[in-house]
Amino acid sequence: MNCTQKEILENLFDALDRLFDRESKVIDIYAIMFASEKAVSGEAEVVNLSEYSYALKMLIPSGKAEEAQREEALLITNELRNILNELLPI
């Protein structure tokens, strides 16, 4: 993982924390996830973000209440949080 990929993934991890803390909405996390997915994909792909990005994209127009979307997004991204926790130094 290069320095740029590391910084992008750290920013994504911070964004997931903001979702947990109710400081960001699902649509905000999707935007960061989508951009991060495009930025870190390629030959030296560290983590595949496409499934998480797609799941969040499908959740946004679901018509569910904001809190219900947040809860579902936390479930969707829980595995990713664990992966990022393993990849990134403290």
N, C-alpha and C. Protein backbone atom coordinates (compact mmCIF):
# COMPACT_ATOMS: atom_id res chain seq x y z
N MET A 1 0.86 -1.17 0.00
CA MET A 1 0.00 0.00 0.00
C MET A 1 0.90 1.23 0.00
N ASN A 2 0.64 2.13 -0.94
CA ASN A 2 1.45 3.35 -0.99
C ASN A 2 0.86 4.41 -0.05
N CYS A 3 1.59 5.50 0.08
CA CYS A 3 1.18 6.56 1.03
C CYS A 3 -0.17 7.17 0.68
N THR A 4 -0.43 7.35 -0.61
CA THR A 4 -1.70 7.94 -1.03
C THR A 4 -2.86 7.00 -0.70
N GLN A 5 -2.70 5.72 -1.02
CA GLN A 5 -3.74 4.74 -0.69
C GLN A 5 -4.00 4.71 0.81
N LYS A 6 -2.93 4.75 1.58
CA LYS A 6 -3.05 4.72 3.04
C LYS A 6 -3.85 5.92 3.53
N GLU A 7 -3.55 7.10 3.01
CA GLU A 7 -4.26 8.30 3.44
C GLU A 7 -5.74 8.25 3.04
N ILE A 8 -6.01 7.76 1.84
CA ILE A 8 -7.40 7.64 1.37
C ILE A 8 -8.18 6.69 2.27
N LEU A 9 -7.58 5.55 2.60
CA LEU A 9 -8.26 4.58 3.45
C LEU A 9 -8.41 5.09 4.88
N GLU A 10 -7.45 5.86 5.37
CA GLU A 10 -7.59 6.48 6.69
C GLU A 10 -8.76 7.47 6.70
N ASN A 11 -8.89 8.24 5.62
CA ASN A 11 -10.01 9.18 5.51
C ASN A 11 -11.35 8.44 5.48
N LEU A 12 -11.38 7.32 4.77
CA LEU A 12 -12.59 6.51 4.71
C LEU A 12 -12.93 5.95 6.09
N PHE A 13 -11.92 5.46 6.78
CA PHE A 13 -12.13 4.93 8.14
C PHE A 13 -12.67 6.02 9.06
N ASP A 14 -12.12 7.22 8.95
CA ASP A 14 -12.62 8.35 9.74
C ASP A 14 -14.08 8.67 9.39
N ALA A 15 -14.41 8.57 8.10
CA ALA A 15 -15.79 8.83 7.67
C ALA A 15 -16.74 7.80 8.27
N LEU A 16 -16.31 6.55 8.32
CA LEU A 16 -17.15 5.51 8.93
C LEU A 16 -17.35 5.78 10.42
N ASP A 17 -16.33 6.31 11.07
CA ASP A 17 -16.47 6.72 12.48
C ASP A 17 -17.50 7.83 12.62
N ARG A 18 -17.49 8.78 11.67
CA ARG A 18 -18.46 9.88 11.72
C ARG A 18 -19.89 9.37 11.53
N LEU A 19 -20.05 8.34 10.70
CA LEU A 19 -21.38 7.73 10.54
C LEU A 19 -21.81 7.11 11.87
N PHE A 20 -20.91 6.38 12.50
CA PHE A 20 -21.21 5.76 13.79
C PHE A 20 -21.59 6.81 14.83
N ASP A 21 -20.88 7.92 14.82
CA ASP A 21 -21.12 9.00 15.79
C ASP A 21 -22.27 9.92 15.41
N ARG A 22 -22.97 9.60 14.33
CA ARG A 22 -24.10 10.39 13.84
C ARG A 22 -23.70 11.79 13.38
N GLU A 23 -22.47 11.93 12.94
CA GLU A 23 -21.98 13.21 12.43
C GLU A 23 -22.08 13.29 10.91
N SER A 24 -22.33 12.16 10.25
CA SER A 24 -22.46 12.11 8.80
C SER A 24 -23.66 11.25 8.44
N LYS A 25 -24.20 11.51 7.26
CA LYS A 25 -25.32 10.73 6.75
C LYS A 25 -24.81 9.67 5.78
N VAL A 26 -25.66 8.72 5.47
CA VAL A 26 -25.30 7.62 4.58
C VAL A 26 -24.86 8.16 3.22
N ILE A 27 -25.55 9.16 2.70
CA ILE A 27 -25.19 9.69 1.39
C ILE A 27 -23.78 10.28 1.39
N ASP A 28 -23.38 10.88 2.51
CA ASP A 28 -22.03 11.42 2.63
C ASP A 28 -21.00 10.29 2.60
N ILE A 29 -21.30 9.22 3.31
CA ILE A 29 -20.38 8.08 3.36
C ILE A 29 -20.29 7.42 1.99
N TYR A 30 -21.43 7.32 1.31
CA TYR A 30 -21.41 6.76 -0.04
C TYR A 30 -20.49 7.59 -0.95
N ALA A 31 -20.59 8.90 -0.89
CA ALA A 31 -19.76 9.76 -1.75
C ALA A 31 -18.27 9.52 -1.48
N ILE A 32 -17.91 9.44 -0.21
CA ILE A 32 -16.51 9.19 0.14
C ILE A 32 -16.10 7.78 -0.28
N MET A 33 -16.99 6.81 -0.07
CA MET A 33 -16.71 5.42 -0.44
C MET A 33 -16.50 5.30 -1.95
N PHE A 34 -17.37 5.92 -2.73
CA PHE A 34 -17.27 5.86 -4.19
C PHE A 34 -15.95 6.46 -4.66
N ALA A 35 -15.62 7.63 -4.15
CA ALA A 35 -14.36 8.28 -4.55
C ALA A 35 -13.16 7.46 -4.10
N SER A 36 -13.23 6.90 -2.91
CA SER A 36 -12.13 6.07 -2.41
C SER A 36 -11.97 4.81 -3.26
N GLU A 37 -13.10 4.22 -3.63
CA GLU A 37 -13.07 3.02 -4.48
C GLU A 37 -12.33 3.31 -5.78
N LYS A 38 -12.66 4.42 -6.42
CA LYS A 38 -12.01 4.76 -7.69
C LYS A 38 -10.54 5.09 -7.49
N ALA A 39 -10.21 5.71 -6.37
CA ALA A 39 -8.83 6.14 -6.11
C ALA A 39 -7.89 4.98 -5.77
N VAL A 40 -8.39 3.95 -5.10
CA VAL A 40 -7.50 2.86 -4.69
C VAL A 40 -7.59 1.63 -5.57
N SER A 41 -8.50 1.62 -6.54
CA SER A 41 -8.60 0.45 -7.41
C SER A 41 -7.46 0.46 -8.42
N GLY A 42 -7.14 -0.71 -8.91
CA GLY A 42 -6.07 -0.82 -9.89
C GLY A 42 -5.22 -2.04 -9.62
N GLU A 43 -4.03 -2.01 -10.15
CA GLU A 43 -3.14 -3.17 -10.05
C GLU A 43 -2.79 -3.52 -8.61
N ALA A 44 -2.55 -2.53 -7.79
CA ALA A 44 -2.14 -2.77 -6.41
C ALA A 44 -3.31 -2.53 -5.45
N GLU A 45 -4.46 -3.05 -5.81
CA GLU A 45 -5.66 -2.81 -5.00
C GLU A 45 -5.48 -3.43 -3.61
N VAL A 46 -5.62 -2.61 -2.62
CA VAL A 46 -5.41 -3.02 -1.23
C VAL A 46 -6.66 -3.67 -0.66
N VAL A 47 -7.79 -3.07 -0.94
CA VAL A 47 -9.08 -3.58 -0.46
C VAL A 47 -10.13 -3.27 -1.52
N ASN A 48 -11.03 -4.21 -1.75
CA ASN A 48 -12.08 -4.01 -2.75
C ASN A 48 -13.26 -3.32 -2.09
N LEU A 49 -13.50 -2.09 -2.49
CA LEU A 49 -14.57 -1.29 -1.90
C LEU A 49 -15.87 -1.34 -2.70
N SER A 50 -15.86 -1.99 -3.85
CA SER A 50 -17.01 -1.92 -4.76
C SER A 50 -18.28 -2.49 -4.15
N GLU A 51 -18.19 -3.61 -3.43
CA GLU A 51 -19.42 -4.19 -2.86
C GLU A 51 -20.03 -3.28 -1.80
N TYR A 52 -19.19 -2.62 -1.02
CA TYR A 52 -19.68 -1.71 0.02
C TYR A 52 -20.28 -0.45 -0.63
N SER A 53 -19.60 0.05 -1.63
CA SER A 53 -20.07 1.23 -2.35
C SER A 53 -21.43 0.96 -2.99
N TYR A 54 -21.54 -0.18 -3.64
CA TYR A 54 -22.79 -0.53 -4.31
C TYR A 54 -23.93 -0.69 -3.29
N ALA A 55 -23.65 -1.36 -2.19
CA ALA A 55 -24.69 -1.57 -1.17
C ALA A 55 -25.18 -0.25 -0.59
N LEU A 56 -24.26 0.69 -0.36
CA LEU A 56 -24.67 2.01 0.14
C LEU A 56 -25.48 2.76 -0.91
N LYS A 57 -25.06 2.64 -2.17
CA LYS A 57 -25.78 3.31 -3.26
C LYS A 57 -27.22 2.81 -3.33
N MET A 58 -27.42 1.52 -3.14
CA MET A 58 -28.77 0.94 -3.19
C MET A 58 -29.60 1.32 -1.96
N LEU A 59 -28.94 1.60 -0.87
CA LEU A 59 -29.64 1.96 0.37
C LEU A 59 -30.22 3.37 0.32
N ILE A 60 -29.53 4.28 -0.33
CA ILE A 60 -29.91 5.70 -0.31
C ILE A 60 -31.34 5.94 -0.83
N PRO A 61 -31.72 5.39 -1.99
CA PRO A 61 -33.08 5.67 -2.48
C PRO A 61 -34.14 4.72 -1.91
N SER A 62 -33.81 4.00 -0.86
CA SER A 62 -34.73 2.98 -0.33
C SER A 62 -35.99 3.56 0.31
N GLY A 63 -35.95 4.84 0.65
CA GLY A 63 -37.10 5.45 1.30
C GLY A 63 -37.15 5.21 2.80
N LYS A 64 -36.15 4.52 3.32
CA LYS A 64 -36.10 4.27 4.76
C LYS A 64 -35.76 5.55 5.50
N ALA A 65 -36.18 5.62 6.74
CA ALA A 65 -35.87 6.77 7.58
C ALA A 65 -34.36 6.88 7.75
N GLU A 66 -33.91 8.10 8.04
CA GLU A 66 -32.47 8.37 8.16
C GLU A 66 -31.79 7.44 9.18
N GLU A 67 -32.40 7.25 10.33
CA GLU A 67 -31.81 6.39 11.37
C GLU A 67 -31.78 4.94 10.92
N ALA A 68 -32.81 4.49 10.22
CA ALA A 68 -32.84 3.12 9.70
C ALA A 68 -31.75 2.93 8.65
N GLN A 69 -31.56 3.94 7.80
CA GLN A 69 -30.48 3.88 6.81
C GLN A 69 -29.13 3.80 7.51
N ARG A 70 -28.95 4.61 8.54
CA ARG A 70 -27.69 4.62 9.29
C ARG A 70 -27.41 3.24 9.88
N GLU A 71 -28.41 2.66 10.52
CA GLU A 71 -28.24 1.33 11.13
C GLU A 71 -27.87 0.29 10.08
N GLU A 72 -28.54 0.32 8.95
CA GLU A 72 -28.24 -0.64 7.88
C GLU A 72 -26.85 -0.39 7.30
N ALA A 73 -26.49 0.87 7.14
CA ALA A 73 -25.15 1.20 6.62
C ALA A 73 -24.06 0.72 7.57
N LEU A 74 -24.31 0.82 8.87
CA LEU A 74 -23.34 0.31 9.84
C LEU A 74 -23.17 -1.20 9.70
N LEU A 75 -24.26 -1.90 9.47
CA LEU A 75 -24.17 -3.35 9.25
C LEU A 75 -23.42 -3.67 7.96
N ILE A 76 -23.71 -2.91 6.92
CA ILE A 76 -23.05 -3.12 5.62
C ILE A 76 -21.55 -2.91 5.72
N THR A 77 -21.15 -1.90 6.46
CA THR A 77 -19.73 -1.51 6.50
C THR A 77 -18.96 -2.09 7.68
N ASN A 78 -19.60 -2.88 8.52
CA ASN A 78 -18.92 -3.43 9.70
C ASN A 78 -17.69 -4.26 9.31
N GLU A 79 -17.84 -5.13 8.34
CA GLU A 79 -16.70 -5.95 7.89
C GLU A 79 -15.58 -5.06 7.35
N LEU A 80 -15.94 -4.03 6.61
CA LEU A 80 -14.94 -3.11 6.07
C LEU A 80 -14.19 -2.41 7.20
N ARG A 81 -14.89 -2.00 8.23
CA ARG A 81 -14.23 -1.37 9.39
C ARG A 81 -13.19 -2.32 9.98
N ASN A 82 -13.54 -3.60 10.08
CA ASN A 82 -12.59 -4.58 10.60
C ASN A 82 -11.38 -4.74 9.68
N ILE A 83 -11.61 -4.76 8.38
CA ILE A 83 -10.52 -4.87 7.41
C ILE A 83 -9.60 -3.66 7.52
N LEU A 84 -10.19 -2.47 7.55
CA LEU A 84 -9.38 -1.25 7.64
C LEU A 84 -8.62 -1.19 8.96
N ASN A 85 -9.24 -1.65 10.01
CA ASN A 85 -8.58 -1.67 11.32
C ASN A 85 -7.33 -2.56 11.28
N GLU A 86 -7.40 -3.66 10.53
CA GLU A 86 -6.24 -4.56 10.39
C GLU A 86 -5.17 -3.94 9.49
N LEU A 87 -5.59 -3.25 8.45
CA LEU A 87 -4.65 -2.70 7.45
C LEU A 87 -3.90 -1.47 7.93
N LEU A 88 -4.58 -0.64 8.68
CA LEU A 88 -4.03 0.67 9.01
C LEU A 88 -3.40 0.68 10.40
N PRO A 89 -2.23 1.28 10.49
CA PRO A 89 -1.59 1.40 11.81
C PRO A 89 -2.35 2.39 12.68
N ILE A 90 -2.22 2.23 13.96
CA ILE A 90 -2.92 3.11 14.91
C ILE A 90 -2.33 4.49 14.90
